[in-house]
Amino acid sequence: MTTPNPTSQTHTTDPTNPTDPTNPSWTGMVPVDDTALAVTDTGGSGCPVVYLNGAYAGQRHWRHVIGELGAGLRHITFDERARGRSRQSADYSFEACVRDVDAVLEARGVDRAIVVGWSYGAATAVHWAERNPDRTMGVVCVDGGLPYGLTGEEGRERIRKLFHKMRFLLPLVRPFGLAARMSADQHAEVNIEVNQVHADLEPVLDRVTVPVRYVLATNGNLGGGDEEMEEVRASLDPVLDRKPNIQVSAKVPSNHSHILRKDFRAVAAAVRGLVPTGDRTAD
């Protein structure tokens, strides 16, 4: 159950949109299930864009994209459960993350939005769009939402070993928005589940009716070299061949981890391409 009235509210007039006092910027906590999510809404009357983070990342990673897009759009970011300033939960499942999108948009009074997701957030965005076509103007998937995943016992063991090796590093990178307030085992289980979600994504993509744009990196990633990551990205090709509403907006030179920092202009361009003509004041 979501609670419709947010708590711990801070209402401020958005300095990037000072002429719209009827819809000021807002920062606060949105209750959902047994937790509460830290949300930032820039306000304004522009086209709403909601940003969904990587598996263990926080909303700060979107700052370059939002800065590039500017004040003409309404930007809504939030920290997922146990990430950033959001509270911990008994449920870190993928389905909980999909529910959290509903909770945030309901709390902020948003009926329709462009949904932008990076990595784990891209899979969340695709699932949410497939279930809510009338509420989705379009989707931008940033090096994620690809129908490929490490599955089976071999894949699960590989993921568990990787996070076991990183167990002492996770608390150190948490202040930088690169890890959650979870144990190494919990991190691993989140990753195992989303790999299965990605492996099962092709029929979901086939059912998506709204425009979907991909921005893909071209280099390797932690836990996956260049060759393996190219195989992951190539898994999208059959979908592209039969689904004209799904397209690759750009392939960029950075890797999976750095794409929002080094190639934010390509991500912003993909978002702009989905903004309705009357709202393109950010161009």
C-alpha atoms as a PDB file:
ATOM      1  CA  MET A   1       0.000   0.000   0.000  1.00  0.00           C
ATOM      2  CA  THR A   2       1.300   3.438  -0.870  1.00  0.00           C
ATOM      3  CA  THR A   3       0.560   6.425   1.299  1.00  0.00           C
ATOM      4  CA  PRO A   4      -0.642   9.319  -0.859  1.00  0.00           C
ATOM      5  CA  ASN A   5       0.615  12.132   1.361  1.00  0.00           C
ATOM      6  CA  PRO A   6       4.406  12.516   1.463  1.00  0.00           C
ATOM      7  CA  THR A   7       6.144  13.263   4.745  1.00  0.00           C
ATOM      8  CA  SER A   8       9.149  15.376   5.697  1.00  0.00           C
ATOM      9  CA  GLN A   9       8.311  17.849   2.968  1.00  0.00           C
ATOM     10  CA  THR A  10      10.467  20.791   1.934  1.00  0.00           C
ATOM     11  CA  HIS A  11       8.778  23.141  -0.518  1.00  0.00           C
ATOM     12  CA  THR A  12      11.025  25.604  -2.303  1.00  0.00           C
ATOM     13  CA  THR A  13      10.657  27.679  -5.411  1.00  0.00           C
ATOM     14  CA  ASP A  14      12.840  26.037  -8.020  1.00  0.00           C
ATOM     15  CA  PRO A  15      15.629  28.506  -8.882  1.00  0.00           C
ATOM     16  CA  THR A  16      15.673  27.125 -12.425  1.00  0.00           C
ATOM     17  CA  ASN A  17      11.951  27.793 -12.791  1.00  0.00           C
ATOM     18  CA  PRO A  18      11.226  30.894 -10.693  1.00  0.00           C
ATOM     19  CA  THR A  19       8.150  31.983 -12.663  1.00  0.00           C
ATOM     20  CA  ASP A  20       5.972  29.024 -11.644  1.00  0.00           C
ATOM     21  CA  PRO A  21       5.092  29.445  -7.943  1.00  0.00           C
ATOM     22  CA  THR A  22       2.016  27.213  -8.403  1.00  0.00           C
ATOM     23  CA  ASN A  23       4.226  24.140  -8.799  1.00  0.00           C
ATOM     24  CA  PRO A  24       7.405  24.727  -6.783  1.00  0.00           C
ATOM     25  CA  SER A  25      10.281  22.331  -6.405  1.00  0.00           C
ATOM     26  CA  TRP A  26       9.941  19.737  -3.656  1.00  0.00           C
ATOM     27  CA  THR A  27      12.248  17.498  -1.654  1.00  0.00           C
ATOM     28  CA  GLY A  28      10.947  14.989   0.852  1.00  0.00           C
ATOM     29  CA  MET A  29      10.188  11.412   1.827  1.00  0.00           C
ATOM     30  CA  VAL A  30       7.474   9.348   0.129  1.00  0.00           C
ATOM     31  CA  PRO A  31       6.162   6.445   2.282  1.00  0.00           C
ATOM     32  CA  VAL A  32       5.640   3.114   0.530  1.00  0.00           C
ATOM     33  CA  ASP A  33       5.176  -0.335   2.073  1.00  0.00           C
ATOM     34  CA  ASP A  34       7.494  -0.550   5.120  1.00  0.00           C
ATOM     35  CA  THR A  35       9.897   2.172   4.013  1.00  0.00           C
ATOM     36  CA  ALA A  36      10.150   5.725   2.701  1.00  0.00           C
ATOM     37  CA  LEU A  37      11.896   7.006  -0.417  1.00  0.00           C
ATOM     38  CA  ALA A  38      13.922  10.218  -0.699  1.00  0.00           C
ATOM     39  CA  VAL A  39      12.476  12.142  -3.651  1.00  0.00           C
ATOM     40  CA  THR A  40      13.449  15.345  -5.462  1.00  0.00           C
ATOM     41  CA  ASP A  41      11.015  17.046  -7.847  1.00  0.00           C
ATOM     42  CA  THR A  42      12.193  20.200  -9.635  1.00  0.00           C
ATOM     43  CA  GLY A  43       8.582  21.265 -10.174  1.00  0.00           C
ATOM     44  CA  GLY A  44       7.434  23.501 -12.973  1.00  0.00           C
ATOM     45  CA  SER A  45       4.946  22.921 -15.747  1.00  0.00           C
ATOM     46  CA  GLY A  46       7.259  21.134 -18.187  1.00  0.00           C
ATOM     47  CA  CYS A  47       7.031  17.532 -19.366  1.00  0.00           C
ATOM     48  CA  PRO A  48       7.672  15.217 -16.368  1.00  0.00           C
ATOM     49  CA  VAL A  49      10.724  12.954 -16.590  1.00  0.00           C
ATOM     50  CA  VAL A  50      11.307  10.319 -13.905  1.00  0.00           C
ATOM     51  CA  TYR A  51      14.783   8.819 -13.521  1.00  0.00           C
ATOM     52  CA  LEU A  52      15.398   5.245 -12.305  1.00  0.00           C
ATOM     53  CA  ASN A  53      18.824   4.437 -10.908  1.00  0.00           C
ATOM     54  CA  GLY A  54      21.258   1.588 -11.287  1.00  0.00           C
ATOM     55  CA  ALA A  55      20.906  -1.326  -8.855  1.00  0.00           C
ATOM     56  CA  TYR A  56      22.903   0.205  -5.986  1.00  0.00           C
ATOM     57  CA  ALA A  57      23.145   3.819  -7.141  1.00  0.00           C
ATOM     58  CA  GLY A  58      21.451   6.996  -5.944  1.00  0.00           C
ATOM     59  CA  GLN A  59      19.792   9.895  -7.673  1.00  0.00           C
ATOM     60  CA  ARG A  60      22.939  12.027  -7.710  1.00  0.00           C
ATOM     61  CA  HIS A  61      24.155  10.147 -10.811  1.00  0.00           C
ATOM     62  CA  TRP A  62      21.587  11.976 -12.961  1.00  0.00           C
ATOM     63  CA  ARG A  63      22.869  15.491 -12.233  1.00  0.00           C
ATOM     64  CA  HIS A  64      24.797  15.852 -15.515  1.00  0.00           C
ATOM     65  CA  VAL A  65      21.847  14.654 -17.611  1.00  0.00           C
ATOM     66  CA  ILE A  66      19.437  16.965 -15.783  1.00  0.00           C
ATOM     67  CA  GLY A  67      21.823  19.895 -16.095  1.00  0.00           C
ATOM     68  CA  GLU A  68      22.106  19.301 -19.836  1.00  0.00           C
ATOM     69  CA  LEU A  69      18.320  19.095 -20.282  1.00  0.00           C
ATOM     70  CA  GLY A  70      17.750  22.250 -18.278  1.00  0.00           C
ATOM     71  CA  ALA A  71      14.757  23.917 -16.664  1.00  0.00           C
ATOM     72  CA  GLY A  72      12.218  23.350 -19.422  1.00  0.00           C
ATOM     73  CA  LEU A  73      11.395  19.867 -18.111  1.00  0.00           C
ATOM     74  CA  ARG A  74      10.158  18.668 -14.738  1.00  0.00           C
ATOM     75  CA  HIS A  75      12.793  16.290 -13.344  1.00  0.00           C
ATOM     76  CA  ILE A  76      11.846  13.706 -10.694  1.00  0.00           C
ATOM     77  CA  THR A  77      14.583  11.625  -9.100  1.00  0.00           C
ATOM     78  CA  PHE A  78      14.528   9.315  -6.082  1.00  0.00           C
ATOM     79  CA  ASP A  79      16.715   6.931  -4.121  1.00  0.00           C
ATOM     80  CA  GLU A  80      15.538   3.335  -4.129  1.00  0.00           C
ATOM     81  CA  ARG A  81      15.143   1.364  -0.913  1.00  0.00           C
ATOM     82  CA  ALA A  82      18.330   1.391   1.210  1.00  0.00           C
ATOM     83  CA  ARG A  83      20.075   3.590  -1.347  1.00  0.00           C
ATOM     84  CA  GLY A  84      21.050   7.210  -0.813  1.00  0.00           C
ATOM     85  CA  ARG A  85      18.801   8.828   1.788  1.00  0.00           C
ATOM     86  CA  SER A  86      15.952   6.319   1.479  1.00  0.00           C
ATOM     87  CA  ARG A  87      15.172   3.997   4.347  1.00  0.00           C
ATOM     88  CA  GLN A  88      15.813   0.295   4.559  1.00  0.00           C
ATOM     89  CA  SER A  89      13.132  -2.307   3.884  1.00  0.00           C
ATOM     90  CA  ALA A  90      12.332  -5.980   4.267  1.00  0.00           C
ATOM     91  CA  ASP A  91      11.734  -6.171   0.504  1.00  0.00           C
ATOM     92  CA  TYR A  92      14.419  -5.382  -2.092  1.00  0.00           C
ATOM     93  CA  SER A  93      12.765  -7.314  -4.888  1.00  0.00           C
ATOM     94  CA  PHE A  94      12.398  -6.130  -8.468  1.00  0.00           C
ATOM     95  CA  GLU A  95       8.618  -5.993  -8.050  1.00  0.00           C
ATOM     96  CA  ALA A  96       9.060  -3.662  -5.091  1.00  0.00           C
ATOM     97  CA  CYS A  97      11.093  -1.342  -7.315  1.00  0.00           C
ATOM     98  CA  VAL A  98       8.304  -1.295  -9.901  1.00  0.00           C
ATOM     99  CA  ARG A  99       5.800  -0.458  -7.151  1.00  0.00           C
ATOM    100  CA  ASP A 100       8.044   2.361  -6.003  1.00  0.00           C
ATOM    101  CA  VAL A 101       7.699   4.094  -9.379  1.00  0.00           C
ATOM    102  CA  ASP A 102       3.924   4.088  -8.876  1.00  0.00           C
ATOM    103  CA  ALA A 103       4.289   5.437  -5.334  1.00  0.00           C
ATOM    104  CA  VAL A 104       6.539   8.325  -6.363  1.00  0.00           C
ATOM    105  CA  LEU A 105       4.423   9.392  -9.342  1.00  0.00           C
ATOM    106  CA  GLU A 106       1.220   9.158  -7.284  1.00  0.00           C
ATOM    107  CA  ALA A 107       2.736  11.221  -4.485  1.00  0.00           C
ATOM    108  CA  ARG A 108       3.876  13.893  -6.933  1.00  0.00           C
ATOM    109  CA  GLY A 109       0.583  13.964  -8.828  1.00  0.00           C
ATOM    110  CA  VAL A 110       2.084  12.895 -12.158  1.00  0.00           C
ATOM    111  CA  ASP A 111      -0.255  11.152 -14.608  1.00  0.00           C
ATOM    112  CA  ARG A 112       2.144  10.651 -17.559  1.00  0.00           C
ATOM    113  CA  ALA A 113       5.908  10.829 -17.793  1.00  0.00           C
ATOM    114  CA  ILE A 114       8.984   9.955 -19.791  1.00  0.00           C
ATOM    115  CA  VAL A 115      10.776   7.177 -17.891  1.00  0.00           C
ATOM    116  CA  VAL A 116      14.577   7.085 -18.042  1.00  0.00           C
ATOM    117  CA  GLY A 117      16.480   4.168 -16.534  1.00  0.00           C
ATOM    118  CA  TRP A 118      20.141   3.252 -16.251  1.00  0.00           C
ATOM    119  CA  SER A 119      21.222  -0.402 -15.877  1.00  0.00           C
ATOM    120  CA  TYR A 120      18.811  -2.008 -13.352  1.00  0.00           C
ATOM    121  CA  GLY A 121      16.613   1.074 -13.720  1.00  0.00           C
ATOM    122  CA  ALA A 122      16.279   0.448 -17.452  1.00  0.00           C
ATOM    123  CA  ALA A 123      14.729  -2.972 -16.818  1.00  0.00           C
ATOM    124  CA  THR A 124      12.416  -1.354 -14.282  1.00  0.00           C
ATOM    125  CA  ALA A 125      11.459   1.309 -16.836  1.00  0.00           C
ATOM    126  CA  VAL A 126      10.639  -1.272 -19.525  1.00  0.00           C
ATOM    127  CA  HIS A 127       8.464  -3.301 -17.147  1.00  0.00           C
ATOM    128  CA  TRP A 128       6.670  -0.202 -15.868  1.00  0.00           C
ATOM    129  CA  ALA A 129       6.013   1.031 -19.424  1.00  0.00           C
ATOM    130  CA  GLU A 130       4.681  -2.366 -20.514  1.00  0.00           C
ATOM    131  CA  ARG A 131       2.223  -2.337 -17.621  1.00  0.00           C
ATOM    132  CA  ASN A 132       1.327   1.370 -17.943  1.00  0.00           C
ATOM    133  CA  PRO A 133       1.272   2.302 -21.653  1.00  0.00           C
ATOM    134  CA  ASP A 134      -1.280   5.086 -21.130  1.00  0.00           C
ATOM    135  CA  ARG A 135       0.951   6.715 -18.505  1.00  0.00           C
ATOM    136  CA  THR A 136       4.218   6.451 -20.411  1.00  0.00           C
ATOM    137  CA  MET A 137       5.260   9.029 -23.037  1.00  0.00           C
ATOM    138  CA  GLY A 138       8.365   7.022 -23.812  1.00  0.00           C
ATOM    139  CA  VAL A 139      11.340   5.191 -22.312  1.00  0.00           C
ATOM    140  CA  VAL A 140      15.073   5.832 -22.472  1.00  0.00           C
ATOM    141  CA  CYS A 141      17.210   2.813 -21.530  1.00  0.00           C
ATOM    142  CA  VAL A 142      20.793   3.717 -20.654  1.00  0.00           C
ATOM    143  CA  ASP A 143      22.977   0.632 -21.150  1.00  0.00           C
ATOM    144  CA  GLY A 144      20.356  -1.625 -19.601  1.00  0.00           C
ATOM    145  CA  GLY A 145      17.004  -3.179 -20.317  1.00  0.00           C
ATOM    146  CA  LEU A 146      18.720  -5.728 -22.577  1.00  0.00           C
ATOM    147  CA  PRO A 147      17.350  -9.284 -22.960  1.00  0.00           C
ATOM    148  CA  TYR A 148      20.432 -11.052 -21.609  1.00  0.00           C
ATOM    149  CA  GLY A 149      21.387 -12.220 -18.132  1.00  0.00           C
ATOM    150  CA  LEU A 150      23.643 -14.538 -16.173  1.00  0.00           C
ATOM    151  CA  THR A 151      21.343 -17.353 -15.097  1.00  0.00           C
ATOM    152  CA  GLY A 152      21.567 -20.906 -13.802  1.00  0.00           C
ATOM    153  CA  GLU A 153      23.674 -22.074 -10.914  1.00  0.00           C
ATOM    154  CA  GLU A 154      26.946 -21.163 -12.639  1.00  0.00           C
ATOM    155  CA  GLY A 155      25.801 -17.588 -13.174  1.00  0.00           C
ATOM    156  CA  ARG A 156      24.469 -17.256  -9.644  1.00  0.00           C
ATOM    157  CA  GLU A 157      27.703 -18.572  -8.167  1.00  0.00           C
ATOM    158  CA  ARG A 158      29.749 -16.158 -10.266  1.00  0.00           C
ATOM    159  CA  ILE A 159      27.690 -13.223  -8.936  1.00  0.00           C
ATOM    160  CA  ARG A 160      27.937 -14.383  -5.321  1.00  0.00           C
ATOM    161  CA  LYS A 161      31.719 -14.762  -5.569  1.00  0.00           C
ATOM    162  CA  LEU A 162      32.052 -11.279  -7.077  1.00  0.00           C
ATOM    163  CA  PHE A 163      30.145  -9.622  -4.237  1.00  0.00           C
ATOM    164  CA  HIS A 164      31.898 -11.744  -1.620  1.00  0.00           C
ATOM    165  CA  LYS A 165      35.202 -10.345  -2.916  1.00  0.00           C
ATOM    166  CA  MET A 166      33.800  -6.820  -2.732  1.00  0.00           C
ATOM    167  CA  ARG A 167      32.288  -7.179   0.756  1.00  0.00           C
ATOM    168  CA  PHE A 168      34.874  -4.898   2.397  1.00  0.00           C
ATOM    169  CA  LEU A 169      34.737  -2.348  -0.435  1.00  0.00           C
ATOM    170  CA  LEU A 170      30.953  -1.853  -0.406  1.00  0.00           C
ATOM    171  CA  PRO A 171      30.779   0.262   2.784  1.00  0.00           C
ATOM    172  CA  LEU A 172      33.609   2.451   1.466  1.00  0.00           C
ATOM    173  CA  VAL A 173      31.897   3.292  -1.825  1.00  0.00           C
ATOM    174  CA  ARG A 174      28.433   3.707  -0.271  1.00  0.00           C
ATOM    175  CA  PRO A 175      28.926   7.449   0.459  1.00  0.00           C
ATOM    176  CA  PHE A 176      29.553   7.962  -3.272  1.00  0.00           C
ATOM    177  CA  GLY A 177      26.232   6.384  -4.256  1.00  0.00           C
ATOM    178  CA  LEU A 178      27.838   3.162  -5.517  1.00  0.00           C
ATOM    179  CA  ALA A 179      26.485   0.701  -2.970  1.00  0.00           C
ATOM    180  CA  ALA A 180      23.360   0.200  -0.891  1.00  0.00           C
ATOM    181  CA  ARG A 181      22.906  -0.174   2.851  1.00  0.00           C
ATOM    182  CA  MET A 182      22.753  -3.918   2.358  1.00  0.00           C
ATOM    183  CA  SER A 183      25.018  -6.828   3.140  1.00  0.00           C
ATOM    184  CA  ALA A 184      27.189  -8.301   0.394  1.00  0.00           C
ATOM    185  CA  ASP A 185      24.784 -11.250   0.233  1.00  0.00           C
ATOM    186  CA  GLN A 186      21.816  -8.914  -0.256  1.00  0.00           C
ATOM    187  CA  HIS A 187      23.678  -7.051  -2.996  1.00  0.00           C
ATOM    188  CA  ALA A 188      24.312 -10.391  -4.699  1.00  0.00           C
ATOM    189  CA  GLU A 189      20.684 -11.517  -4.468  1.00  0.00           C
ATOM    190  CA  VAL A 190      19.487  -8.231  -6.015  1.00  0.00           C
ATOM    191  CA  ASN A 191      21.936  -8.796  -8.861  1.00  0.00           C
ATOM    192  CA  ILE A 192      20.932 -12.440  -9.312  1.00  0.00           C
ATOM    193  CA  GLU A 193      17.262 -11.507  -9.544  1.00  0.00           C
ATOM    194  CA  VAL A 194      17.789  -8.703 -12.065  1.00  0.00           C
ATOM    195  CA  ASN A 195      19.922 -10.959 -14.248  1.00  0.00           C
ATOM    196  CA  GLN A 196      16.939 -13.303 -14.446  1.00  0.00           C
ATOM    197  CA  VAL A 197      14.654 -10.327 -15.150  1.00  0.00           C
ATOM    198  CA  HIS A 198      16.908  -9.299 -18.027  1.00  0.00           C
ATOM    199  CA  ALA A 199      17.104 -12.858 -19.367  1.00  0.00           C
ATOM    200  CA  ASP A 200      13.286 -12.932 -19.482  1.00  0.00           C
ATOM    201  CA  LEU A 201      12.921  -9.437 -20.957  1.00  0.00           C
ATOM    202  CA  GLU A 202      12.398 -10.173 -24.661  1.00  0.00           C
ATOM    203  CA  PRO A 203       8.648 -10.956 -24.469  1.00  0.00           C
ATOM    204  CA  VAL A 204       8.167  -7.877 -22.274  1.00  0.00           C
ATOM    205  CA  LEU A 205       9.847  -5.712 -24.921  1.00  0.00           C
ATOM    206  CA  ASP A 206       7.614  -7.306 -27.551  1.00  0.00           C
ATOM    207  CA  ARG A 207       4.577  -6.091 -25.609  1.00  0.00           C
ATOM    208  CA  VAL A 208       5.810  -2.527 -25.131  1.00  0.00           C
ATOM    209  CA  THR A 209       3.872  -0.153 -27.386  1.00  0.00           C
ATOM    210  CA  VAL A 210       5.443   3.217 -26.491  1.00  0.00           C
ATOM    211  CA  PRO A 211       8.663   4.598 -28.043  1.00  0.00           C
ATOM    212  CA  VAL A 212      11.806   3.142 -26.447  1.00  0.00           C
ATOM    213  CA  ARG A 213      15.251   4.608 -27.106  1.00  0.00           C
ATOM    214  CA  TYR A 214      18.531   2.960 -26.105  1.00  0.00           C
ATOM    215  CA  VAL A 215      21.825   4.674 -25.369  1.00  0.00           C
ATOM    216  CA  LEU A 216      24.476   1.952 -25.317  1.00  0.00           C
ATOM    217  CA  ALA A 217      28.062   2.011 -24.110  1.00  0.00           C
ATOM    218  CA  THR A 218      30.710   0.182 -26.123  1.00  0.00           C
ATOM    219  CA  ASN A 219      33.308  -0.778 -23.505  1.00  0.00           C
ATOM    220  CA  GLY A 220      33.447  -3.379 -20.732  1.00  0.00           C
ATOM    221  CA  ASN A 221      32.223  -3.235 -17.168  1.00  0.00           C
ATOM    222  CA  LEU A 222      33.068  -4.483 -13.686  1.00  0.00           C
ATOM    223  CA  GLY A 223      32.541  -8.236 -13.895  1.00  0.00           C
ATOM    224  CA  GLY A 224      32.323  -8.261 -17.704  1.00  0.00           C
ATOM    225  CA  GLY A 225      34.954  -7.561 -20.383  1.00  0.00           C
ATOM    226  CA  ASP A 226      34.499  -5.823 -23.739  1.00  0.00           C
ATOM    227  CA  GLU A 227      33.666  -9.034 -25.597  1.00  0.00           C
ATOM    228  CA  GLU A 228      31.069 -10.219 -23.097  1.00  0.00           C
ATOM    229  CA  MET A 229      29.427  -6.787 -22.889  1.00  0.00           C
ATOM    230  CA  GLU A 230      29.210  -6.635 -26.678  1.00  0.00           C
ATOM    231  CA  GLU A 231      27.360  -9.963 -26.594  1.00  0.00           C
ATOM    232  CA  VAL A 232      24.984  -8.523 -23.996  1.00  0.00           C
ATOM    233  CA  ARG A 233      24.241  -5.470 -26.150  1.00  0.00           C
ATOM    234  CA  ALA A 234      23.856  -7.571 -29.312  1.00  0.00           C
ATOM    235  CA  SER A 235      21.004  -9.456 -27.616  1.00  0.00           C
ATOM    236  CA  LEU A 236      18.816  -6.453 -28.473  1.00  0.00           C
ATOM    237  CA  ASP A 237      19.257  -6.866 -32.241  1.00  0.00           C
ATOM    238  CA  PRO A 238      16.368  -9.318 -32.842  1.00  0.00           C
ATOM    239  CA  VAL A 239      14.021  -7.001 -30.958  1.00  0.00           C
ATOM    240  CA  LEU A 240      15.144  -4.017 -33.035  1.00  0.00           C
ATOM    241  CA  ASP A 241      14.491  -5.979 -36.226  1.00  0.00           C
ATOM    242  CA  ARG A 242      10.816  -6.566 -35.441  1.00  0.00           C
ATOM    243  CA  LYS A 243       9.860  -3.616 -33.211  1.00  0.00           C
ATOM    244  CA  PRO A 244      10.005  -0.235 -35.006  1.00  0.00           C
ATOM    245  CA  ASN A 245       9.057   1.632 -31.826  1.00  0.00           C
ATOM    246  CA  ILE A 246      12.306   0.402 -30.213  1.00  0.00           C
ATOM    247  CA  GLN A 247      15.468   2.051 -31.533  1.00  0.00           C
ATOM    248  CA  VAL A 248      19.080   2.712 -30.596  1.00  0.00           C
ATOM    249  CA  SER A 249      19.474   6.456 -30.176  1.00  0.00           C
ATOM    250  CA  ALA A 250      23.267   6.367 -29.739  1.00  0.00           C
ATOM    251  CA  LYS A 251      26.268   4.141 -29.123  1.00  0.00           C
ATOM    252  CA  VAL A 252      28.834   5.974 -27.017  1.00  0.00           C
ATOM    253  CA  PRO A 253      32.509   5.346 -26.216  1.00  0.00           C
ATOM    254  CA  SER A 254      32.274   5.119 -22.421  1.00  0.00           C
ATOM    255  CA  ASN A 255      31.636   2.004 -20.347  1.00  0.00           C
ATOM    256  CA  HIS A 256      28.595   0.969 -18.338  1.00  0.00           C
ATOM    257  CA  SER A 257      29.704   2.596 -15.087  1.00  0.00           C
ATOM    258  CA  HIS A 258      30.734   5.963 -16.553  1.00  0.00           C
ATOM    259  CA  ILE A 259      28.048   6.512 -19.173  1.00  0.00           C
ATOM    260  CA  LEU A 260      25.987   9.025 -17.166  1.00  0.00           C
ATOM    261  CA  ARG A 261      29.068  11.100 -16.416  1.00  0.00           C
ATOM    262  CA  LYS A 262      30.944  10.930 -19.712  1.00  0.00           C
ATOM    263  CA  ASP A 263      28.132  10.641 -22.249  1.00  0.00           C
ATOM    264  CA  PHE A 264      25.319  12.529 -20.554  1.00  0.00           C
ATOM    265  CA  ARG A 265      24.730  14.623 -23.691  1.00  0.00           C
ATOM    266  CA  ALA A 266      23.734  11.519 -25.654  1.00  0.00           C
ATOM    267  CA  VAL A 267      21.332  10.505 -22.893  1.00  0.00           C
ATOM    268  CA  ALA A 268      19.845  14.006 -22.799  1.00  0.00           C
ATOM    269  CA  ALA A 269      19.422  13.970 -26.587  1.00  0.00           C
ATOM    270  CA  ALA A 270      17.477  10.697 -26.371  1.00  0.00           C
ATOM    271  CA  VAL A 271      15.187  12.206 -23.734  1.00  0.00           C
ATOM    272  CA  ARG A 272      14.618  15.361 -25.817  1.00  0.00           C
ATOM    273  CA  GLY A 273      13.559  13.224 -28.745  1.00  0.00           C
ATOM    274  CA  LEU A 274      10.632  11.869 -26.701  1.00  0.00           C
ATOM    275  CA  VAL A 275       9.406  15.214 -25.346  1.00  0.00           C
ATOM    276  CA  PRO A 276       6.123  16.300 -26.974  1.00  0.00           C
ATOM    277  CA  THR A 277       6.638  19.183 -29.398  1.00  0.00           C
ATOM    278  CA  GLY A 278       4.799  21.706 -27.237  1.00  0.00           C
ATOM    279  CA  ASP A 279       7.084  21.002 -24.278  1.00  0.00           C
ATOM    280  CA  ARG A 280      10.440  21.281 -26.036  1.00  0.00           C
ATOM    281  CA  THR A 281      11.545  24.440 -24.277  1.00  0.00           C
ATOM    282  CA  ALA A 282      14.685  22.606 -23.144  1.00  0.00           C
ATOM    283  CA  ASP A 283      16.040  22.355 -26.699  1.00  0.00           C
END
